C-alpha atoms as a PDB file:
ATOM      1  CA  MET A   1     -16.025 102.144  -4.919  1.00  0.00           C
ATOM      2  CA  THR A   2     -13.836 103.472  -7.759  1.00  0.00           C
ATOM      3  CA  ALA A   3     -10.025 102.760  -8.030  1.00  0.00           C
ATOM      4  CA  LEU A   4      -7.774 105.475  -9.589  1.00  0.00           C
ATOM      5  CA  HIS A   5      -4.574 104.241 -11.011  1.00  0.00           C
ATOM      6  CA  TYR A   6      -2.638 107.615 -11.256  1.00  0.00           C
ATOM      7  CA  LEU A   7      -3.983 109.918  -8.633  1.00  0.00           C
ATOM      8  CA  THR A   8      -3.468 109.278  -4.976  1.00  0.00           C
ATOM      9  CA  PHE A   9      -5.406 111.365  -2.416  1.00  0.00           C
ATOM     10  CA  GLU A  10      -4.864 112.457   1.235  1.00  0.00           C
ATOM     11  CA  ILE A  11      -7.871 113.686   3.305  1.00  0.00           C
ATOM     12  CA  SER A  12      -7.726 116.415   6.032  1.00  0.00           C
ATOM     13  CA  GLU A  13     -10.509 117.854   7.999  1.00  0.00           C
ATOM     14  CA  ASP A  14     -10.615 120.883  10.175  1.00  0.00           C
ATOM     15  CA  THR A  15     -12.871 121.470  13.240  1.00  0.00           C
ATOM     16  CA  ASP A  16     -15.478 123.607  11.306  1.00  0.00           C
ATOM     17  CA  GLY A  17     -16.790 120.436   9.231  1.00  0.00           C
ATOM     18  CA  ILE A  18     -14.791 121.385   6.119  1.00  0.00           C
ATOM     19  CA  GLY A  19     -12.114 119.205   4.644  1.00  0.00           C
ATOM     20  CA  THR A  20      -9.691 118.886   1.747  1.00  0.00           C
ATOM     21  CA  ALA A  21      -8.849 115.908  -0.502  1.00  0.00           C
ATOM     22  CA  GLU A  22      -5.694 116.503  -2.217  1.00  0.00           C
ATOM     23  CA  GLY A  23      -4.530 114.252  -4.991  1.00  0.00           C
ATOM     24  CA  MET A  24      -1.508 114.197  -6.920  1.00  0.00           C
ATOM     25  CA  ALA A  25       0.094 112.138  -9.729  1.00  0.00           C
ATOM     26  CA  SER A  26       3.493 112.466 -11.184  1.00  0.00           C
ATOM     27  CA  THR A  27       3.888 110.726 -14.363  1.00  0.00           C
ATOM     28  CA  ASP A  28       6.001 110.790 -17.591  1.00  0.00           C
ATOM     29  CA  ALA A  29       4.861 112.460 -20.633  1.00  0.00           C
ATOM     30  CA  GLU A  30       3.256 109.149 -22.216  1.00  0.00           C
ATOM     31  CA  THR A  31       1.031 108.545 -19.122  1.00  0.00           C
ATOM     32  CA  HIS A  32       0.214 112.207 -18.407  1.00  0.00           C
ATOM     33  CA  ALA A  33      -2.948 112.066 -20.477  1.00  0.00           C
ATOM     34  CA  ARG A  34      -4.398 109.425 -18.422  1.00  0.00           C
ATOM     35  CA  ALA A  35      -3.587 111.028 -14.958  1.00  0.00           C
ATOM     36  CA  LEU A  36      -5.321 114.031 -16.320  1.00  0.00           C
ATOM     37  CA  ALA A  37      -8.205 112.163 -17.449  1.00  0.00           C
ATOM     38  CA  GLU A  38      -8.581 110.526 -13.822  1.00  0.00           C
ATOM     39  CA  ALA A  39      -8.609 114.204 -12.552  1.00  0.00           C
ATOM     40  CA  GLN A  40     -11.517 115.035 -15.070  1.00  0.00           C
ATOM     41  CA  ALA A  41     -13.291 111.793 -14.014  1.00  0.00           C
ATOM     42  CA  VAL A  42     -13.048 112.980 -10.131  1.00  0.00           C
ATOM     43  CA  LEU A  43     -14.590 116.475 -11.290  1.00  0.00           C
ATOM     44  CA  THR A  44     -17.328 114.842 -13.218  1.00  0.00           C
ATOM     45  CA  TRP A  45     -18.384 112.669 -10.331  1.00  0.00           C
ATOM     46  CA  ALA A  46     -18.300 115.801  -8.087  1.00  0.00           C
ATOM     47  CA  GLN A  47     -20.427 117.669 -10.560  1.00  0.00           C
ATOM     48  CA  ALA A  48     -22.814 114.869 -10.959  1.00  0.00           C
ATOM     49  CA  ARG A  49     -23.150 114.305  -7.290  1.00  0.00           C
ATOM     50  CA  SER A  50     -23.840 118.033  -6.347  1.00  0.00           C
ATOM     51  CA  PRO A  51     -24.486 119.995  -9.735  1.00  0.00           C
ATOM     52  CA  HIS A  52     -25.502 123.022  -7.821  1.00  0.00           C
ATOM     53  CA  GLY A  53     -22.979 122.874  -4.949  1.00  0.00           C
ATOM     54  CA  HIS A  54     -19.812 123.992  -6.791  1.00  0.00           C
ATOM     55  CA  GLY A  55     -18.412 127.223  -5.694  1.00  0.00           C
ATOM     56  CA  PRO A  56     -16.570 128.896  -2.857  1.00  0.00           C
ATOM     57  CA  LEU A  57     -17.364 127.206   0.565  1.00  0.00           C
ATOM     58  CA  ASP A  58     -17.586 130.510   2.401  1.00  0.00           C
ATOM     59  CA  GLU A  59     -20.345 131.584   0.166  1.00  0.00           C
ATOM     60  CA  GLY A  60     -22.406 128.253   1.065  1.00  0.00           C
ATOM     61  CA  PHE A  61     -21.520 125.934  -1.586  1.00  0.00           C
ATOM     62  CA  GLU A  62     -20.885 122.273  -0.822  1.00  0.00           C
ATOM     63  CA  TRP A  63     -17.420 121.790  -2.656  1.00  0.00           C
ATOM     64  CA  ASP A  64     -15.005 123.739  -4.721  1.00  0.00           C
ATOM     65  CA  HIS A  65     -11.711 122.655  -6.548  1.00  0.00           C
ATOM     66  CA  ASP A  66      -8.331 123.735  -7.657  1.00  0.00           C
ATOM     67  CA  LEU A  67      -6.471 121.877 -10.629  1.00  0.00           C
ATOM     68  CA  GLN A  68      -2.808 122.549 -11.173  1.00  0.00           C
ATOM     69  CA  ILE A  69      -0.683 121.018 -14.006  1.00  0.00           C
ATOM     70  CA  SER A  70       3.003 121.359 -14.025  1.00  0.00           C
ATOM     71  CA  GLN A  71       5.894 120.164 -15.950  1.00  0.00           C
ATOM     72  CA  GLU A  72       9.621 119.622 -14.910  1.00  0.00           C
ATOM     73  CA  GLY A  73      11.893 117.944 -17.505  1.00  0.00           C
ATOM     74  CA  ASP A  74      10.149 114.695 -18.617  1.00  0.00           C
ATOM     75  CA  TRP A  75       7.871 114.642 -15.569  1.00  0.00           C
ATOM     76  CA  HIS A  76       4.252 116.066 -15.391  1.00  0.00           C
ATOM     77  CA  THR A  77       2.516 116.605 -12.326  1.00  0.00           C
ATOM     78  CA  VAL A  78      -1.437 116.828 -11.869  1.00  0.00           C
ATOM     79  CA  THR A  79      -2.674 118.301  -8.464  1.00  0.00           C
ATOM     80  CA  LEU A  80      -6.395 118.275  -7.854  1.00  0.00           C
ATOM     81  CA  THR A  81      -7.497 119.801  -4.558  1.00  0.00           C
ATOM     82  CA  LEU A  82     -11.049 119.318  -3.533  1.00  0.00           C
ATOM     83  CA  SER A  83     -12.486 121.248  -0.515  1.00  0.00           C
ATOM     84  CA  GLY A  84     -15.834 120.248   0.718  1.00  0.00           C
ATOM     85  CA  THR A  85     -18.353 119.710   3.473  1.00  0.00           C
ATOM     86  CA  ALA A  86     -18.200 116.648   5.690  1.00  0.00           C
ATOM     87  CA  ALA A  87     -20.964 115.216   3.663  1.00  0.00           C
ATOM     88  CA  PHE A  88     -19.224 115.723   0.402  1.00  0.00           C
ATOM     89  CA  LEU A  89     -15.873 114.419   1.788  1.00  0.00           C
ATOM     90  CA  ASP A  90     -17.860 111.305   3.158  1.00  0.00           C
ATOM     91  CA  ALA A  91     -19.305 110.535  -0.214  1.00  0.00           C
ATOM     92  CA  PHE A  92     -15.747 111.160  -1.631  1.00  0.00           C
ATOM     93  CA  ARG A  93     -14.390 108.592   0.671  1.00  0.00           C
ATOM     94  CA  ARG A  94     -17.064 105.749  -0.251  1.00  0.00           C
ATOM     95  CA  ARG A  95     -16.463 106.431  -4.124  1.00  0.00           C
ATOM     96  CA  PHE A  96     -12.698 106.719  -4.261  1.00  0.00           C
ATOM     97  CA  ALA A  97     -11.685 104.704  -0.920  1.00  0.00           C
ATOM     98  CA  ALA A  98      -9.128 102.473  -2.893  1.00  0.00           C
ATOM     99  CA  SER A  99      -7.147 105.806  -3.727  1.00  0.00           C
ATOM    100  CA  LEU A 100      -6.706 107.224  -0.312  1.00  0.00           C
ATOM    101  CA  GLU A 101      -3.599 107.176   1.605  1.00  0.00           C
END
């Protein structure tokens, strides 16, 4: 299990076996690079776990993602959304359980 210090994830699942893990971190400018590094670490884990499974789920891939970065004044927000199969989300839960709401 890996604990993240900035990103906090919330998981939702639909009835078709597809789910979403949405993570967000809002930080000051000084801490922004660390939050962004956590998002990259999650993506690196996902790619290592399923190197040929990244792409649109409706085309048969196991997982996909969307990374958004925004700034408002002195605050930076990193939002990482992972969509995936039930097996992918189960592995995500085991790996990042300490960072789930």
